[in-house]
Amino acid sequence: MTIMENDVKFLDFVVKSLVENPQDVKITRTVDEMGVLMTLDVNRDDMGKIIGREGNTAKAIRTLLRVVGMKNNARVNLKINEPPENGSGTKTGAMKNLDEAMSDLNL
């Protein structure tokens, strides 16, 4: 399947060229009735490089992926996953704030 190879290879090359931790780049490709969805996971320290100032880098990557998709008669979208705040994958900061708020209500 050359289409899959083209879009994954392209995204892999572009992202790994931008980041400091290329070994942490993970790309997942799924296909459904809406088209192709490429999901990108990168190291937390590299998120700024992928998003760019005001999201311009992410917009450019998405535009280029759409061009690759159009050449292959496929609609390609990119989702950039936000890395977890800590190693366990849960956002404990948000839960602490919620717990504190709940305890404040019980006063």
C-alpha atoms as a PDB file:
ATOM      1  CA  MET A   1       0.000   0.000   0.000  1.00  0.00           C
ATOM      2  CA  THR A   2       2.065   2.922  -1.270  1.00  0.00           C
ATOM      3  CA  ILE A   3      -0.380   5.619  -0.126  1.00  0.00           C
ATOM      4  CA  MET A   4       0.112   4.609   3.495  1.00  0.00           C
ATOM      5  CA  GLU A   5       3.854   4.519   3.037  1.00  0.00           C
ATOM      6  CA  ASN A   6       3.866   7.978   1.438  1.00  0.00           C
ATOM      7  CA  ASP A   7       1.888   9.869   4.060  1.00  0.00           C
ATOM      8  CA  VAL A   8       3.448   8.123   7.068  1.00  0.00           C
ATOM      9  CA  LYS A   9       6.980   8.493   5.680  1.00  0.00           C
ATOM     10  CA  PHE A  10       6.356  12.145   4.881  1.00  0.00           C
ATOM     11  CA  LEU A  11       4.987  12.992   8.327  1.00  0.00           C
ATOM     12  CA  ASP A  12       7.727  10.965  10.011  1.00  0.00           C
ATOM     13  CA  PHE A  13      10.436  12.817   8.075  1.00  0.00           C
ATOM     14  CA  VAL A  14       8.997  16.289   8.732  1.00  0.00           C
ATOM     15  CA  VAL A  15       8.332  15.756  12.444  1.00  0.00           C
ATOM     16  CA  LYS A  16      11.643  14.037  13.193  1.00  0.00           C
ATOM     17  CA  SER A  17      13.429  16.913  11.428  1.00  0.00           C
ATOM     18  CA  LEU A  18      11.807  19.411  13.807  1.00  0.00           C
ATOM     19  CA  VAL A  19      12.087  17.716  17.200  1.00  0.00           C
ATOM     20  CA  GLU A  20      14.942  17.197  19.666  1.00  0.00           C
ATOM     21  CA  ASN A  21      13.741  13.688  20.635  1.00  0.00           C
ATOM     22  CA  PRO A  22      13.016  11.859  17.350  1.00  0.00           C
ATOM     23  CA  GLN A  23      13.009   8.490  19.122  1.00  0.00           C
ATOM     24  CA  ASP A  24       9.792   9.554  20.930  1.00  0.00           C
ATOM     25  CA  VAL A  25       7.846  10.306  17.729  1.00  0.00           C
ATOM     26  CA  LYS A  26       4.924   7.907  17.248  1.00  0.00           C
ATOM     27  CA  ILE A  27       2.527   8.070  14.311  1.00  0.00           C
ATOM     28  CA  THR A  28      -0.725   6.111  14.174  1.00  0.00           C
ATOM     29  CA  ARG A  29      -2.711   5.952  10.934  1.00  0.00           C
ATOM     30  CA  THR A  30      -6.396   5.021  10.818  1.00  0.00           C
ATOM     31  CA  VAL A  31      -8.811   5.011   7.891  1.00  0.00           C
ATOM     32  CA  ASP A  32     -12.590   5.413   8.104  1.00  0.00           C
ATOM     33  CA  GLU A  33     -15.435   6.869   6.045  1.00  0.00           C
ATOM     34  CA  MET A  34     -14.164  10.404   6.746  1.00  0.00           C
ATOM     35  CA  GLY A  35     -10.725   9.662   5.306  1.00  0.00           C
ATOM     36  CA  VAL A  36      -7.295   9.157   6.839  1.00  0.00           C
ATOM     37  CA  LEU A  37      -6.542  10.270  10.384  1.00  0.00           C
ATOM     38  CA  MET A  38      -2.900  10.516  11.370  1.00  0.00           C
ATOM     39  CA  THR A  39      -2.371  10.756  15.121  1.00  0.00           C
ATOM     40  CA  LEU A  40       0.946  12.162  16.310  1.00  0.00           C
ATOM     41  CA  ASP A  41       2.581  11.666  19.702  1.00  0.00           C
ATOM     42  CA  VAL A  42       5.803  13.494  20.569  1.00  0.00           C
ATOM     43  CA  ASN A  43       7.893  14.155  23.664  1.00  0.00           C
ATOM     44  CA  ARG A  44       6.440  16.859  25.942  1.00  0.00           C
ATOM     45  CA  ASP A  45       9.574  18.982  25.424  1.00  0.00           C
ATOM     46  CA  ASP A  46       9.004  18.978  21.651  1.00  0.00           C
ATOM     47  CA  MET A  47       5.355  20.095  21.642  1.00  0.00           C
ATOM     48  CA  GLY A  48       6.300  23.748  21.131  1.00  0.00           C
ATOM     49  CA  LYS A  49       8.359  22.903  18.071  1.00  0.00           C
ATOM     50  CA  ILE A  50       5.499  20.941  16.512  1.00  0.00           C
ATOM     51  CA  ILE A  51       2.775  23.479  17.318  1.00  0.00           C
ATOM     52  CA  GLY A  52       4.878  26.560  16.520  1.00  0.00           C
ATOM     53  CA  ARG A  53       4.142  30.174  17.267  1.00  0.00           C
ATOM     54  CA  GLU A  54       0.357  30.689  17.153  1.00  0.00           C
ATOM     55  CA  GLY A  55       0.020  27.158  15.764  1.00  0.00           C
ATOM     56  CA  ASN A  56       1.637  28.065  12.457  1.00  0.00           C
ATOM     57  CA  THR A  57       3.923  25.023  12.267  1.00  0.00           C
ATOM     58  CA  ALA A  58       1.039  22.625  12.953  1.00  0.00           C
ATOM     59  CA  LYS A  59      -1.084  24.409  10.317  1.00  0.00           C
ATOM     60  CA  ALA A  60       1.729  24.098   7.772  1.00  0.00           C
ATOM     61  CA  ILE A  61       2.196  20.374   8.497  1.00  0.00           C
ATOM     62  CA  ARG A  62      -1.565  19.815   8.121  1.00  0.00           C
ATOM     63  CA  THR A  63      -1.607  21.715   4.823  1.00  0.00           C
ATOM     64  CA  LEU A  64       1.284  19.667   3.446  1.00  0.00           C
ATOM     65  CA  LEU A  65      -0.395  16.426   4.555  1.00  0.00           C
ATOM     66  CA  ARG A  66      -3.574  17.443   2.722  1.00  0.00           C
ATOM     67  CA  VAL A  67      -1.502  17.984  -0.433  1.00  0.00           C
ATOM     68  CA  VAL A  68       0.050  14.524  -0.048  1.00  0.00           C
ATOM     69  CA  GLY A  69      -3.457  13.141   0.439  1.00  0.00           C
ATOM     70  CA  MET A  70      -4.853  14.938  -2.615  1.00  0.00           C
ATOM     71  CA  LYS A  71      -2.112  13.436  -4.777  1.00  0.00           C
ATOM     72  CA  ASN A  72      -3.335  10.032  -3.593  1.00  0.00           C
ATOM     73  CA  ASN A  73      -7.077  10.818  -3.715  1.00  0.00           C
ATOM     74  CA  ALA A  74      -7.389  10.644   0.074  1.00  0.00           C
ATOM     75  CA  ARG A  75      -8.476  13.142   2.686  1.00  0.00           C
ATOM     76  CA  VAL A  76      -5.750  13.307   5.339  1.00  0.00           C
ATOM     77  CA  ASN A  77      -6.187  14.930   8.755  1.00  0.00           C
ATOM     78  CA  LEU A  78      -3.671  15.280  11.577  1.00  0.00           C
ATOM     79  CA  LYS A  79      -4.406  15.042  15.289  1.00  0.00           C
ATOM     80  CA  ILE A  80      -1.613  16.014  17.672  1.00  0.00           C
ATOM     81  CA  ASN A  81      -2.030  14.308  21.035  1.00  0.00           C
ATOM     82  CA  GLU A  82      -1.169  16.293  24.130  1.00  0.00           C
ATOM     83  CA  PRO A  83       1.367  14.376  26.222  1.00  0.00           C
ATOM     84  CA  PRO A  84       0.356  13.499  29.793  1.00  0.00           C
ATOM     85  CA  GLU A  85       1.457  15.976  32.474  1.00  0.00           C
ATOM     86  CA  ASN A  86       3.164  13.272  34.502  1.00  0.00           C
ATOM     87  CA  GLY A  87       4.377   9.726  34.009  1.00  0.00           C
ATOM     88  CA  SER A  88       1.129   8.062  35.065  1.00  0.00           C
ATOM     89  CA  GLY A  89      -0.912   9.714  32.317  1.00  0.00           C
ATOM     90  CA  THR A  90      -3.347  11.439  34.669  1.00  0.00           C
ATOM     91  CA  LYS A  91      -3.687  15.148  35.213  1.00  0.00           C
ATOM     92  CA  THR A  92      -3.353  15.246  38.977  1.00  0.00           C
ATOM     93  CA  GLY A  93      -3.144  19.048  39.042  1.00  0.00           C
ATOM     94  CA  ALA A  94      -6.681  19.345  37.711  1.00  0.00           C
ATOM     95  CA  MET A  95      -7.963  16.732  40.149  1.00  0.00           C
ATOM     96  CA  LYS A  96      -6.330  18.459  43.110  1.00  0.00           C
ATOM     97  CA  ASN A  97      -8.038  21.680  42.134  1.00  0.00           C
ATOM     98  CA  LEU A  98     -11.368  19.896  41.856  1.00  0.00           C
ATOM     99  CA  ASP A  99     -10.858  18.164  45.219  1.00  0.00           C
ATOM    100  CA  GLU A 100      -9.922  21.464  46.841  1.00  0.00           C
ATOM    101  CA  ALA A 101     -12.996  23.106  45.347  1.00  0.00           C
ATOM    102  CA  MET A 102     -15.228  20.317  46.642  1.00  0.00           C
ATOM    103  CA  SER A 103     -13.768  20.564  50.140  1.00  0.00           C
ATOM    104  CA  ASP A 104     -14.328  24.319  50.063  1.00  0.00           C
ATOM    105  CA  LEU A 105     -18.021  23.722  49.305  1.00  0.00           C
ATOM    106  CA  ASN A 106     -18.370  21.524  52.398  1.00  0.00           C
ATOM    107  CA  LEU A 107     -17.324  24.366  54.706  1.00  0.00           C
END
